[in-house]
C-alpha atoms as a PDB file:
ATOM      1  CA  MET A   1      -6.661   4.536   8.753  1.00  0.00           C
ATOM      2  CA  ASN A   2      -9.991   5.300   6.840  1.00  0.00           C
ATOM      3  CA  ASN A   3      -9.492   2.906   3.925  1.00  0.00           C
ATOM      4  CA  THR A   4      -8.345  -0.610   4.213  1.00  0.00           C
ATOM      5  CA  LEU A   5      -7.850  -3.127   1.335  1.00  0.00           C
ATOM      6  CA  PHE A   6      -6.930  -6.702   1.920  1.00  0.00           C
ATOM      7  CA  THR A   7      -4.903  -8.466  -0.760  1.00  0.00           C
ATOM      8  CA  PRO A   8      -5.596 -12.146  -0.553  1.00  0.00           C
ATOM      9  CA  ARG A   9      -4.112 -13.056  -3.786  1.00  0.00           C
ATOM     10  CA  SER A  10      -0.830 -11.287  -3.422  1.00  0.00           C
ATOM     11  CA  THR A  11       2.235 -13.079  -2.265  1.00  0.00           C
ATOM     12  CA  THR A  12       3.885  -9.922  -1.165  1.00  0.00           C
ATOM     13  CA  LEU A  13       1.311  -7.467   0.227  1.00  0.00           C
ATOM     14  CA  HIS A  14      -1.244  -8.577   2.840  1.00  0.00           C
ATOM     15  CA  ARG A  15      -3.304  -5.161   3.874  1.00  0.00           C
ATOM     16  CA  VAL A  16      -2.951  -1.638   2.592  1.00  0.00           C
ATOM     17  CA  ASP A  17      -4.455   1.182   4.481  1.00  0.00           C
ATOM     18  CA  TYR A  18      -4.961   4.829   3.215  1.00  0.00           C
ATOM     19  CA  GLU A  19      -5.730   7.955   5.359  1.00  0.00           C
ATOM     20  CA  PRO A  20      -6.931  10.692   2.716  1.00  0.00           C
ATOM     21  CA  ALA A  21      -6.464  13.647   5.167  1.00  0.00           C
ATOM     22  CA  GLY A  22      -3.077  13.096   5.847  1.00  0.00           C
ATOM     23  CA  LYS A  23      -2.002  11.564   2.588  1.00  0.00           C
ATOM     24  CA  VAL A  24      -0.642   8.241   4.449  1.00  0.00           C
ATOM     25  CA  MET A  25      -0.551   4.735   2.994  1.00  0.00           C
ATOM     26  CA  GLN A  26       0.515   1.970   5.415  1.00  0.00           C
ATOM     27  CA  ILE A  27       1.310  -1.304   3.952  1.00  0.00           C
ATOM     28  CA  GLU A  28       1.510  -4.431   5.897  1.00  0.00           C
ATOM     29  CA  PHE A  29       3.655  -7.139   4.163  1.00  0.00           C
ATOM     30  CA  ARG A  30       3.166 -11.044   4.178  1.00  0.00           C
ATOM     31  CA  SER A  31       6.645 -10.886   5.984  1.00  0.00           C
ATOM     32  CA  GLY A  32       4.969  -9.129   8.886  1.00  0.00           C
ATOM     33  CA  ASN A  33       6.838  -5.826   8.120  1.00  0.00           C
ATOM     34  CA  VAL A  34       4.688  -2.737   8.139  1.00  0.00           C
ATOM     35  CA  TYR A  35       5.587   0.477   6.659  1.00  0.00           C
ATOM     36  CA  ARG A  36       4.048   3.826   6.372  1.00  0.00           C
ATOM     37  CA  TYR A  37       4.550   5.955   3.074  1.00  0.00           C
ATOM     38  CA  LEU A  38       3.848   9.595   3.551  1.00  0.00           C
ATOM     39  CA  ASP A  39       2.412  12.204   1.103  1.00  0.00           C
ATOM     40  CA  VAL A  40       0.659   9.571  -1.226  1.00  0.00           C
ATOM     41  CA  PRO A  41      -1.645  11.265  -3.592  1.00  0.00           C
ATOM     42  CA  GLN A  42      -5.430  10.117  -3.244  1.00  0.00           C
ATOM     43  CA  ARG A  43      -5.524   9.481  -6.860  1.00  0.00           C
ATOM     44  CA  LEU A  44      -2.848   6.831  -6.524  1.00  0.00           C
ATOM     45  CA  TRP A  45      -4.707   5.021  -3.778  1.00  0.00           C
ATOM     46  CA  ALA A  46      -7.695   5.195  -6.229  1.00  0.00           C
ATOM     47  CA  ILE A  47      -5.575   3.692  -8.986  1.00  0.00           C
ATOM     48  CA  PHE A  48      -4.145   1.072  -6.756  1.00  0.00           C
ATOM     49  CA  LYS A  49      -7.627  -0.083  -5.699  1.00  0.00           C
ATOM     50  CA  LEU A  50      -8.919  -0.335  -9.180  1.00  0.00           C
ATOM     51  CA  TYR A  51      -5.696  -2.045 -10.352  1.00  0.00           C
ATOM     52  CA  VAL A  52      -6.513  -4.809  -7.487  1.00  0.00           C
ATOM     53  CA  GLN A  53      -9.960  -5.172  -8.455  1.00  0.00           C
ATOM     54  CA  CYS A  54      -9.149  -5.987 -11.969  1.00  0.00           C
ATOM     55  CA  ASP A  55      -6.762  -8.953 -10.850  1.00  0.00           C
ATOM     56  CA  GLY A  56      -3.455  -6.786 -11.285  1.00  0.00           C
ATOM     57  CA  SER A  57      -0.735  -7.714  -9.049  1.00  0.00           C
ATOM     58  CA  PRO A  58      -0.605  -5.530  -5.767  1.00  0.00           C
ATOM     59  CA  GLY A  59       3.292  -6.422  -5.635  1.00  0.00           C
ATOM     60  CA  ALA A  60       4.102  -5.011  -9.080  1.00  0.00           C
ATOM     61  CA  PHE A  61       2.010  -1.882  -8.649  1.00  0.00           C
ATOM     62  CA  PHE A  62       3.944  -1.505  -5.233  1.00  0.00           C
ATOM     63  CA  ASN A  63       7.266  -1.970  -6.664  1.00  0.00           C
ATOM     64  CA  GLU A  64       6.535   0.424  -9.804  1.00  0.00           C
ATOM     65  CA  TYR A  65       4.526   3.363  -8.406  1.00  0.00           C
ATOM     66  CA  ILE A  66       5.154   3.377  -4.386  1.00  0.00           C
ATOM     67  CA  LYS A  67       8.630   1.850  -3.537  1.00  0.00           C
ATOM     68  CA  GLY A  68      11.229   4.412  -3.455  1.00  0.00           C
ATOM     69  CA  GLN A  69       8.877   7.023  -4.617  1.00  0.00           C
ATOM     70  CA  PHE A  70       7.641   8.321  -1.349  1.00  0.00           C
ATOM     71  CA  LEU A  71       9.342   9.155   2.032  1.00  0.00           C
ATOM     72  CA  SER A  72       8.706   6.076   4.403  1.00  0.00           C
ATOM     73  CA  GLU A  73       9.226   4.832   7.753  1.00  0.00           C
ATOM     74  CA  LYS A  74       9.221   0.991   9.318  1.00  0.00           C
ATOM     75  CA  LEU A  75       6.674   0.605  11.952  1.00  0.00           C
ATOM     76  CA  ILE A  76       6.915  -2.912  12.684  1.00  0.00           C
ATOM     77  CA  ALA A  77       9.717  -5.435  11.823  1.00  0.00           C
ATOM     78  CA  ALA A  78       9.173  -9.099  11.259  1.00  0.00           C
END
């Protein structure tokens, strides 16, 4: 993955990676589960990064704009 964002203040998300060429977002949860979300627009990644940098809740953003909105696959189960 090309872009990585760690979310140390989040109780839900640990790390988020984004690969712009394939529009793939990979999320590692604090539980240890890892999911890959497909066809995620690069602008959503940019908004997510800004939201986190402005002390927004990564988990709330995920629940509102990513979860259930994109085709996903579970890569690692805790």
